[in-house]
Amino acid sequence: MERPQLIASDVDGTLLGPSESLSARTIATVRRAIEADVPFVLASGRPPRWIAPVAKPLDLTGFAVCANGAVLYDCGREEVVAVHGLLRPELLNDIAHALDKAVPGCRLAAERVSTDADHEMRSFVIEPKYHNPWGDGEGRTAPRAEVLGHPAIKLLVSHVGMSSEEMADAITALFDREVDVTYSSSGGLVELSAHGITKATGLADVAERLGVERERVIAFGDMPNDVEMLRWAGHGVAMENGHPKVQDVADEITGPAGEDGVAQVLERWF
């Protein structure tokens, strides 16, 4: 493609390798793109409160697509710009009832959103025995009724005895157009969002705000929650360490995150 006018990248497993830190090469390449007036957008399943540790070393002050497209966040102002596709308590309770039959023993968590990233921690609510594959210790523990009792941008479902792939297959069969099911880890965690809300819709919102045609957008990703974004972008790039579903839809496969795969591609122009 020609030099992109907008760059979007997933974070974990894409920008961040096994060390879970940004390399000097990646930081330098991203900064050169920004200096060339090409916006760089983080597009992640992460909530806004997890964006700053990645955005600040890269000197990002523009938009970030968070929660798989449900939240548009301004990194510079540290505030939520838009929220899309809230899951209402009635739907959350219906989903939970169906999940108990399809995935017995699952545990639930709700990701909510506020306009103040510093206080958003109270909006991640987990039920007892909920397991996070990235490490437990985050979230406010509450009874299931409280977890499901308020609108949420994501419902997270964990199961210590199943892989994310197994869970996604079982859960996807339950729902047609109510919610979309995806995952960004294989460690027994899937994420349910409002139907039609993806990183692609979030990135399309950013592109429209910035006046960039999709053909001039390049996007990087590694897991199934990146599939729609890579399909939407003018040039979709999967990581060598990525999931086969992502590689199947990509226009190109770059090196693994641990070898600066994003930088390897962007250095063609920057």
C-alpha atoms as a PDB file:
ATOM      1  CA  MET A   1       0.000   0.000   0.000  1.00  0.00           C
ATOM      2  CA  GLU A   2       0.950   3.660  -0.185  1.00  0.00           C
ATOM      3  CA  ARG A   3       2.138   5.314   3.007  1.00  0.00           C
ATOM      4  CA  PRO A   4      -0.770   4.955   5.440  1.00  0.00           C
ATOM      5  CA  GLN A   5      -2.642   7.987   6.716  1.00  0.00           C
ATOM      6  CA  LEU A   6      -3.798   6.222   9.880  1.00  0.00           C
ATOM      7  CA  ILE A   7      -2.178   3.393  11.854  1.00  0.00           C
ATOM      8  CA  ALA A   8      -4.064   1.189  14.303  1.00  0.00           C
ATOM      9  CA  SER A   9      -2.574  -1.509  16.483  1.00  0.00           C
ATOM     10  CA  ASP A  10      -3.722  -3.985  19.047  1.00  0.00           C
ATOM     11  CA  VAL A  11      -1.661  -3.907  22.237  1.00  0.00           C
ATOM     12  CA  ASP A  12      -1.113  -7.269  23.930  1.00  0.00           C
ATOM     13  CA  GLY A  13       0.605  -9.791  21.697  1.00  0.00           C
ATOM     14  CA  THR A  14       0.996  -7.189  18.960  1.00  0.00           C
ATOM     15  CA  LEU A  15       2.780  -4.080  20.208  1.00  0.00           C
ATOM     16  CA  LEU A  16       3.787  -5.842  23.420  1.00  0.00           C
ATOM     17  CA  GLY A  17       5.700  -9.092  23.197  1.00  0.00           C
ATOM     18  CA  PRO A  18       6.333 -11.755  25.844  1.00  0.00           C
ATOM     19  CA  SER A  19       8.083  -9.197  28.072  1.00  0.00           C
ATOM     20  CA  GLU A  20       4.850  -7.129  28.102  1.00  0.00           C
ATOM     21  CA  SER A  21       6.870  -3.980  27.492  1.00  0.00           C
ATOM     22  CA  LEU A  22       7.498  -1.688  24.551  1.00  0.00           C
ATOM     23  CA  SER A  23      10.850  -2.106  22.826  1.00  0.00           C
ATOM     24  CA  ALA A  24      13.069   0.860  21.981  1.00  0.00           C
ATOM     25  CA  ARG A  25      12.684   0.029  18.280  1.00  0.00           C
ATOM     26  CA  THR A  26       8.888   0.071  18.418  1.00  0.00           C
ATOM     27  CA  ILE A  27       8.811   3.305  20.427  1.00  0.00           C
ATOM     28  CA  ALA A  28      11.151   5.032  17.969  1.00  0.00           C
ATOM     29  CA  THR A  29       9.182   3.864  14.925  1.00  0.00           C
ATOM     30  CA  VAL A  30       5.815   4.931  16.319  1.00  0.00           C
ATOM     31  CA  ARG A  31       7.206   8.333  17.287  1.00  0.00           C
ATOM     32  CA  ARG A  32       8.559   8.837  13.745  1.00  0.00           C
ATOM     33  CA  ALA A  33       5.102   8.121  12.345  1.00  0.00           C
ATOM     34  CA  ILE A  34       3.537  10.641  14.703  1.00  0.00           C
ATOM     35  CA  GLU A  35       6.180  13.232  13.792  1.00  0.00           C
ATOM     36  CA  ALA A  36       5.188  12.633  10.149  1.00  0.00           C
ATOM     37  CA  ASP A  37       1.612  13.620  11.102  1.00  0.00           C
ATOM     38  CA  VAL A  38       0.241  10.093  10.781  1.00  0.00           C
ATOM     39  CA  PRO A  39      -2.069   9.334  13.738  1.00  0.00           C
ATOM     40  CA  PHE A  40      -1.347   6.145  15.678  1.00  0.00           C
ATOM     41  CA  VAL A  41      -4.368   4.576  17.370  1.00  0.00           C
ATOM     42  CA  LEU A  42      -4.302   1.887  20.020  1.00  0.00           C
ATOM     43  CA  ALA A  43      -7.169  -0.560  19.379  1.00  0.00           C
ATOM     44  CA  SER A  44      -7.473  -2.898  22.312  1.00  0.00           C
ATOM     45  CA  GLY A  45      -9.753  -5.014  24.405  1.00  0.00           C
ATOM     46  CA  ARG A  46      -8.273  -3.106  27.337  1.00  0.00           C
ATOM     47  CA  PRO A  47     -10.443  -0.641  29.244  1.00  0.00           C
ATOM     48  CA  PRO A  48      -9.356   3.012  29.323  1.00  0.00           C
ATOM     49  CA  ARG A  49      -7.600   2.627  32.684  1.00  0.00           C
ATOM     50  CA  TRP A  50      -5.085   0.242  31.071  1.00  0.00           C
ATOM     51  CA  ILE A  51      -4.216   2.534  28.167  1.00  0.00           C
ATOM     52  CA  ALA A  52      -1.907   5.128  29.737  1.00  0.00           C
ATOM     53  CA  PRO A  53       1.016   2.720  30.455  1.00  0.00           C
ATOM     54  CA  VAL A  54       1.219   2.079  26.699  1.00  0.00           C
ATOM     55  CA  ALA A  55       0.181   5.473  25.344  1.00  0.00           C
ATOM     56  CA  LYS A  56       2.574   7.603  27.398  1.00  0.00           C
ATOM     57  CA  PRO A  57       5.884   5.981  26.355  1.00  0.00           C
ATOM     58  CA  LEU A  58       4.754   6.342  22.733  1.00  0.00           C
ATOM     59  CA  ASP A  59       3.795  10.020  23.228  1.00  0.00           C
ATOM     60  CA  LEU A  60       0.247   9.293  22.047  1.00  0.00           C
ATOM     61  CA  THR A  61      -2.228  12.111  22.606  1.00  0.00           C
ATOM     62  CA  GLY A  62      -4.944  11.103  20.151  1.00  0.00           C
ATOM     63  CA  PHE A  63      -7.679   8.494  20.212  1.00  0.00           C
ATOM     64  CA  ALA A  64      -7.631   4.937  21.543  1.00  0.00           C
ATOM     65  CA  VAL A  65     -10.286   2.361  20.752  1.00  0.00           C
ATOM     66  CA  CYS A  66     -10.939   0.506  24.012  1.00  0.00           C
ATOM     67  CA  ALA A  67     -13.022  -2.457  25.171  1.00  0.00           C
ATOM     68  CA  ASN A  68     -13.100  -3.963  21.669  1.00  0.00           C
ATOM     69  CA  GLY A  69     -14.746  -0.904  20.173  1.00  0.00           C
ATOM     70  CA  ALA A  70     -17.229  -0.058  22.918  1.00  0.00           C
ATOM     71  CA  VAL A  71     -15.291   2.985  24.162  1.00  0.00           C
ATOM     72  CA  LEU A  72     -13.479   5.787  22.346  1.00  0.00           C
ATOM     73  CA  TYR A  73     -10.875   7.363  24.618  1.00  0.00           C
ATOM     74  CA  ASP A  74      -8.811  10.542  24.277  1.00  0.00           C
ATOM     75  CA  CYS A  75      -5.297   9.710  25.493  1.00  0.00           C
ATOM     76  CA  GLY A  76      -4.171  13.327  25.746  1.00  0.00           C
ATOM     77  CA  ARG A  77      -7.126  14.583  27.748  1.00  0.00           C
ATOM     78  CA  GLU A  78      -7.486  11.252  29.569  1.00  0.00           C
ATOM     79  CA  GLU A  79     -11.219  11.160  29.103  1.00  0.00           C
ATOM     80  CA  VAL A  80     -13.883   9.039  27.455  1.00  0.00           C
ATOM     81  CA  VAL A  81     -15.176  10.578  24.232  1.00  0.00           C
ATOM     82  CA  ALA A  82     -17.905   8.105  23.302  1.00  0.00           C
ATOM     83  CA  VAL A  83     -19.517   4.880  24.496  1.00  0.00           C
ATOM     84  CA  HIS A  84     -21.220   2.457  22.115  1.00  0.00           C
ATOM     85  CA  GLY A  85     -23.354  -0.623  22.625  1.00  0.00           C
ATOM     86  CA  LEU A  86     -24.134  -0.882  26.318  1.00  0.00           C
ATOM     87  CA  LEU A  87     -25.445  -4.229  27.536  1.00  0.00           C
ATOM     88  CA  ARG A  88     -28.537  -3.625  29.670  1.00  0.00           C
ATOM     89  CA  PRO A  89     -29.173  -5.497  32.953  1.00  0.00           C
ATOM     90  CA  GLU A  90     -32.144  -7.389  31.486  1.00  0.00           C
ATOM     91  CA  LEU A  91     -29.974  -8.796  28.708  1.00  0.00           C
ATOM     92  CA  LEU A  92     -27.077  -9.499  31.063  1.00  0.00           C
ATOM     93  CA  ASN A  93     -29.329 -11.598  33.288  1.00  0.00           C
ATOM     94  CA  ASP A  94     -30.748 -13.518  30.318  1.00  0.00           C
ATOM     95  CA  ILE A  95     -27.209 -14.207  29.102  1.00  0.00           C
ATOM     96  CA  ALA A  96     -26.066 -15.373  32.533  1.00  0.00           C
ATOM     97  CA  HIS A  97     -28.990 -17.798  32.767  1.00  0.00           C
ATOM     98  CA  ALA A  98     -28.091 -19.326  29.406  1.00  0.00           C
ATOM     99  CA  LEU A  99     -24.383 -19.474  30.261  1.00  0.00           C
ATOM    100  CA  ASP A 100     -25.004 -21.528  33.379  1.00  0.00           C
ATOM    101  CA  LYS A 101     -26.481 -24.273  31.194  1.00  0.00           C
ATOM    102  CA  ALA A 102     -23.958 -24.083  28.344  1.00  0.00           C
ATOM    103  CA  VAL A 103     -20.805 -23.533  30.402  1.00  0.00           C
ATOM    104  CA  PRO A 104     -21.484 -24.922  33.895  1.00  0.00           C
ATOM    105  CA  GLY A 105     -19.150 -23.540  36.508  1.00  0.00           C
ATOM    106  CA  CYS A 106     -18.363 -20.325  34.650  1.00  0.00           C
ATOM    107  CA  ARG A 107     -17.782 -17.092  36.549  1.00  0.00           C
ATOM    108  CA  LEU A 108     -18.730 -13.611  35.381  1.00  0.00           C
ATOM    109  CA  ALA A 109     -17.367 -10.085  35.497  1.00  0.00           C
ATOM    110  CA  ALA A 110     -18.770  -6.833  34.137  1.00  0.00           C
ATOM    111  CA  GLU A 111     -16.724  -4.024  32.667  1.00  0.00           C
ATOM    112  CA  ARG A 112     -18.500  -0.718  33.038  1.00  0.00           C
ATOM    113  CA  VAL A 113     -17.244   2.712  32.080  1.00  0.00           C
ATOM    114  CA  SER A 114     -17.083   6.141  33.613  1.00  0.00           C
ATOM    115  CA  THR A 115     -15.829   9.420  32.231  1.00  0.00           C
ATOM    116  CA  ASP A 116     -13.031   9.504  34.801  1.00  0.00           C
ATOM    117  CA  ALA A 117     -10.299   6.945  34.119  1.00  0.00           C
ATOM    118  CA  ASP A 118      -8.787   7.453  37.578  1.00  0.00           C
ATOM    119  CA  HIS A 119     -11.952   6.199  39.236  1.00  0.00           C
ATOM    120  CA  GLU A 120     -12.933   3.577  36.699  1.00  0.00           C
ATOM    121  CA  MET A 121     -11.454   0.758  38.761  1.00  0.00           C
ATOM    122  CA  ARG A 122     -14.645   0.625  40.806  1.00  0.00           C
ATOM    123  CA  SER A 123     -16.481  -0.150  37.563  1.00  0.00           C
ATOM    124  CA  PHE A 124     -14.817  -3.538  37.059  1.00  0.00           C
ATOM    125  CA  VAL A 125     -17.011  -5.859  39.093  1.00  0.00           C
ATOM    126  CA  ILE A 126     -16.331  -9.576  39.498  1.00  0.00           C
ATOM    127  CA  GLU A 127     -18.209 -12.375  41.173  1.00  0.00           C
ATOM    128  CA  PRO A 128     -16.431 -14.689  43.644  1.00  0.00           C
ATOM    129  CA  LYS A 129     -14.023 -17.215  42.067  1.00  0.00           C
ATOM    130  CA  TYR A 130     -13.789 -15.256  38.818  1.00  0.00           C
ATOM    131  CA  HIS A 131     -10.362 -15.992  37.312  1.00  0.00           C
ATOM    132  CA  ASN A 132      -8.337 -13.608  35.175  1.00  0.00           C
ATOM    133  CA  PRO A 133      -5.703 -15.358  32.995  1.00  0.00           C
ATOM    134  CA  TRP A 134      -3.509 -12.247  33.253  1.00  0.00           C
ATOM    135  CA  GLY A 135      -3.486 -12.486  37.019  1.00  0.00           C
ATOM    136  CA  ASP A 136      -6.072 -12.076  39.725  1.00  0.00           C
ATOM    137  CA  GLY A 137      -6.240  -9.201  42.161  1.00  0.00           C
ATOM    138  CA  GLU A 138      -8.089  -6.631  40.101  1.00  0.00           C
ATOM    139  CA  GLY A 139     -11.728  -5.736  40.394  1.00  0.00           C
ATOM    140  CA  ARG A 140     -14.357  -5.271  43.055  1.00  0.00           C
ATOM    141  CA  THR A 141     -15.877  -8.567  44.196  1.00  0.00           C
ATOM    142  CA  ALA A 142     -19.649  -8.589  44.470  1.00  0.00           C
ATOM    143  CA  PRO A 143     -22.572 -11.035  44.267  1.00  0.00           C
ATOM    144  CA  ARG A 144     -23.695 -11.967  40.764  1.00  0.00           C
ATOM    145  CA  ALA A 145     -26.821  -9.831  41.131  1.00  0.00           C
ATOM    146  CA  GLU A 146     -24.595  -6.764  41.552  1.00  0.00           C
ATOM    147  CA  VAL A 147     -22.335  -7.786  38.652  1.00  0.00           C
ATOM    148  CA  LEU A 148     -25.361  -7.974  36.356  1.00  0.00           C
ATOM    149  CA  GLY A 149     -27.340  -5.142  37.893  1.00  0.00           C
ATOM    150  CA  HIS A 150     -25.975  -2.191  35.886  1.00  0.00           C
ATOM    151  CA  PRO A 151     -25.300  -1.486  32.190  1.00  0.00           C
ATOM    152  CA  ALA A 152     -21.928  -2.818  31.013  1.00  0.00           C
ATOM    153  CA  ILE A 153     -19.727  -2.420  27.971  1.00  0.00           C
ATOM    154  CA  LYS A 154     -18.501  -6.016  28.249  1.00  0.00           C
ATOM    155  CA  LEU A 155     -19.471  -9.188  30.055  1.00  0.00           C
ATOM    156  CA  LEU A 156     -16.437 -11.363  30.742  1.00  0.00           C
ATOM    157  CA  VAL A 157     -16.831 -15.103  31.246  1.00  0.00           C
ATOM    158  CA  SER A 158     -14.078 -17.212  32.844  1.00  0.00           C
ATOM    159  CA  HIS A 159     -13.692 -20.948  33.339  1.00  0.00           C
ATOM    160  CA  VAL A 160     -10.562 -22.537  34.776  1.00  0.00           C
ATOM    161  CA  GLY A 161     -11.274 -25.915  33.155  1.00  0.00           C
ATOM    162  CA  MET A 162     -11.764 -24.810  29.543  1.00  0.00           C
ATOM    163  CA  SER A 163      -9.815 -23.002  26.862  1.00  0.00           C
ATOM    164  CA  SER A 164     -11.127 -19.765  25.435  1.00  0.00           C
ATOM    165  CA  GLU A 165     -11.652 -21.505  22.085  1.00  0.00           C
ATOM    166  CA  GLU A 166     -13.830 -24.193  23.676  1.00  0.00           C
ATOM    167  CA  MET A 167     -15.807 -21.600  25.584  1.00  0.00           C
ATOM    168  CA  ALA A 168     -16.317 -19.408  22.523  1.00  0.00           C
ATOM    169  CA  ASP A 169     -17.654 -22.332  20.492  1.00  0.00           C
ATOM    170  CA  ALA A 170     -20.143 -23.255  23.208  1.00  0.00           C
ATOM    171  CA  ILE A 171     -21.280 -19.688  23.858  1.00  0.00           C
ATOM    172  CA  THR A 172     -21.501 -18.564  20.233  1.00  0.00           C
ATOM    173  CA  ALA A 173     -23.971 -21.382  19.588  1.00  0.00           C
ATOM    174  CA  LEU A 174     -26.308 -19.837  22.182  1.00  0.00           C
ATOM    175  CA  PHE A 175     -26.618 -16.360  20.766  1.00  0.00           C
ATOM    176  CA  ASP A 176     -27.530 -15.161  17.316  1.00  0.00           C
ATOM    177  CA  ARG A 177     -27.820 -11.388  17.220  1.00  0.00           C
ATOM    178  CA  GLU A 178     -27.925 -10.433  20.875  1.00  0.00           C
ATOM    179  CA  VAL A 179     -24.173 -10.279  21.494  1.00  0.00           C
ATOM    180  CA  ASP A 180     -20.830 -10.894  19.808  1.00  0.00           C
ATOM    181  CA  VAL A 181     -18.397 -13.360  21.366  1.00  0.00           C
ATOM    182  CA  THR A 182     -14.635 -13.007  21.104  1.00  0.00           C
ATOM    183  CA  TYR A 183     -11.433 -13.571  23.051  1.00  0.00           C
ATOM    184  CA  SER A 184      -7.950 -12.128  23.283  1.00  0.00           C
ATOM    185  CA  SER A 185      -6.359 -14.919  25.333  1.00  0.00           C
ATOM    186  CA  SER A 186      -6.541 -18.709  25.227  1.00  0.00           C
ATOM    187  CA  GLY A 187      -6.582 -18.933  29.021  1.00  0.00           C
ATOM    188  CA  GLY A 188     -10.258 -19.628  29.655  1.00  0.00           C
ATOM    189  CA  LEU A 189     -11.720 -16.152  29.179  1.00  0.00           C
ATOM    190  CA  VAL A 190     -14.179 -14.872  26.586  1.00  0.00           C
ATOM    191  CA  GLU A 191     -15.707 -11.438  26.174  1.00  0.00           C
ATOM    192  CA  LEU A 192     -19.290 -10.645  25.204  1.00  0.00           C
ATOM    193  CA  SER A 193     -20.139  -7.277  23.675  1.00  0.00           C
ATOM    194  CA  ALA A 194     -23.208  -5.741  22.085  1.00  0.00           C
ATOM    195  CA  HIS A 195     -23.861  -7.168  18.639  1.00  0.00           C
ATOM    196  CA  GLY A 196     -22.023  -5.289  15.897  1.00  0.00           C
ATOM    197  CA  ILE A 197     -19.619  -3.475  18.232  1.00  0.00           C
ATOM    198  CA  THR A 198     -16.037  -4.390  17.316  1.00  0.00           C
ATOM    199  CA  LYS A 199     -12.629  -2.818  16.966  1.00  0.00           C
ATOM    200  CA  ALA A 200     -13.613  -2.247  13.334  1.00  0.00           C
ATOM    201  CA  THR A 201     -16.553  -0.033  14.260  1.00  0.00           C
ATOM    202  CA  GLY A 202     -14.401   1.852  16.753  1.00  0.00           C
ATOM    203  CA  LEU A 203     -11.633   2.395  14.227  1.00  0.00           C
ATOM    204  CA  ALA A 204     -14.154   3.459  11.591  1.00  0.00           C
ATOM    205  CA  ASP A 205     -15.371   6.123  14.031  1.00  0.00           C
ATOM    206  CA  VAL A 206     -11.803   7.391  14.457  1.00  0.00           C
ATOM    207  CA  ALA A 207     -11.169   7.417  10.708  1.00  0.00           C
ATOM    208  CA  GLU A 208     -14.342   9.408  10.105  1.00  0.00           C
ATOM    209  CA  ARG A 209     -13.435  11.944  12.785  1.00  0.00           C
ATOM    210  CA  LEU A 210      -9.984  12.369  11.222  1.00  0.00           C
ATOM    211  CA  GLY A 211     -11.185  12.368   7.617  1.00  0.00           C
ATOM    212  CA  VAL A 212      -9.182   9.289   6.564  1.00  0.00           C
ATOM    213  CA  GLU A 213     -10.493   6.791   4.001  1.00  0.00           C
ATOM    214  CA  ARG A 214     -10.380   3.147   5.092  1.00  0.00           C
ATOM    215  CA  GLU A 215      -8.144   2.304   2.122  1.00  0.00           C
ATOM    216  CA  ARG A 216      -5.404   4.424   3.726  1.00  0.00           C
ATOM    217  CA  VAL A 217      -5.646   2.686   7.118  1.00  0.00           C
ATOM    218  CA  ILE A 218      -3.229  -0.029   8.218  1.00  0.00           C
ATOM    219  CA  ALA A 219      -4.117  -2.224  11.199  1.00  0.00           C
ATOM    220  CA  PHE A 220      -2.169  -4.796  13.214  1.00  0.00           C
ATOM    221  CA  GLY A 221      -3.510  -7.615  15.391  1.00  0.00           C
ATOM    222  CA  ASP A 222      -2.981 -11.123  16.710  1.00  0.00           C
ATOM    223  CA  MET A 223      -6.182 -12.555  18.223  1.00  0.00           C
ATOM    224  CA  PRO A 224      -9.808 -13.205  17.145  1.00  0.00           C
ATOM    225  CA  ASN A 225     -10.972  -9.878  18.570  1.00  0.00           C
ATOM    226  CA  ASP A 226      -8.815  -8.275  15.842  1.00  0.00           C
ATOM    227  CA  VAL A 227     -10.386 -10.114  12.896  1.00  0.00           C
ATOM    228  CA  GLU A 228     -13.031  -7.536  12.006  1.00  0.00           C
ATOM    229  CA  MET A 229     -10.550  -4.668  12.284  1.00  0.00           C
ATOM    230  CA  LEU A 230      -8.068  -6.315   9.923  1.00  0.00           C
ATOM    231  CA  ARG A 231     -10.880  -7.043   7.464  1.00  0.00           C
ATOM    232  CA  TRP A 232     -12.051  -3.429   7.596  1.00  0.00           C
ATOM    233  CA  ALA A 233      -8.678  -1.745   7.191  1.00  0.00           C
ATOM    234  CA  GLY A 234      -7.184  -1.079   3.798  1.00  0.00           C
ATOM    235  CA  HIS A 235      -4.216  -3.218   4.813  1.00  0.00           C
ATOM    236  CA  GLY A 236      -4.542  -5.741   7.622  1.00  0.00           C
ATOM    237  CA  VAL A 237      -1.386  -7.181   9.169  1.00  0.00           C
ATOM    238  CA  ALA A 238      -1.358 -10.267  11.392  1.00  0.00           C
ATOM    239  CA  MET A 239       1.475 -11.179  13.708  1.00  0.00           C
ATOM    240  CA  GLU A 240       3.503 -14.328  13.167  1.00  0.00           C
ATOM    241  CA  ASN A 241       2.574 -15.277  16.731  1.00  0.00           C
ATOM    242  CA  GLY A 242      -1.101 -14.608  15.969  1.00  0.00           C
ATOM    243  CA  HIS A 243      -4.138 -16.862  15.978  1.00  0.00           C
ATOM    244  CA  PRO A 244      -4.853 -18.713  12.696  1.00  0.00           C
ATOM    245  CA  LYS A 245      -8.219 -16.914  12.365  1.00  0.00           C
ATOM    246  CA  VAL A 246      -6.390 -13.590  12.245  1.00  0.00           C
ATOM    247  CA  GLN A 247      -3.745 -14.761   9.827  1.00  0.00           C
ATOM    248  CA  ASP A 248      -6.454 -16.115   7.515  1.00  0.00           C
ATOM    249  CA  VAL A 249      -8.002 -12.661   6.986  1.00  0.00           C
ATOM    250  CA  ALA A 250      -4.773 -10.638   6.893  1.00  0.00           C
ATOM    251  CA  ASP A 251      -3.245  -9.068   3.805  1.00  0.00           C
ATOM    252  CA  GLU A 252       0.191  -9.677   5.269  1.00  0.00           C
ATOM    253  CA  ILE A 253       1.879 -11.548   8.105  1.00  0.00           C
ATOM    254  CA  THR A 254       4.728  -9.801   9.869  1.00  0.00           C
ATOM    255  CA  GLY A 255       7.229 -10.999  12.461  1.00  0.00           C
ATOM    256  CA  PRO A 256       6.174 -11.851  16.013  1.00  0.00           C
ATOM    257  CA  ALA A 257       5.583  -9.192  18.635  1.00  0.00           C
ATOM    258  CA  GLY A 258       8.770 -10.219  20.393  1.00  0.00           C
ATOM    259  CA  GLU A 259      10.741  -9.301  17.267  1.00  0.00           C
ATOM    260  CA  ASP A 260       9.077  -5.898  16.687  1.00  0.00           C
ATOM    261  CA  GLY A 261       6.711  -7.117  14.001  1.00  0.00           C
ATOM    262  CA  VAL A 262       4.786  -3.829  13.923  1.00  0.00           C
ATOM    263  CA  ALA A 263       7.981  -1.806  13.532  1.00  0.00           C
ATOM    264  CA  GLN A 264       9.199  -4.131  10.789  1.00  0.00           C
ATOM    265  CA  VAL A 265       6.271  -3.065   8.604  1.00  0.00           C
ATOM    266  CA  LEU A 266       6.109   0.607   9.562  1.00  0.00           C
ATOM    267  CA  GLU A 267       9.807   1.130   8.875  1.00  0.00           C
ATOM    268  CA  ARG A 268       8.987   0.940   5.161  1.00  0.00           C
ATOM    269  CA  TRP A 269       7.620   4.477   5.446  1.00  0.00           C
ATOM    270  CA  PHE A 270       8.916   5.883   8.732  1.00  0.00           C
END
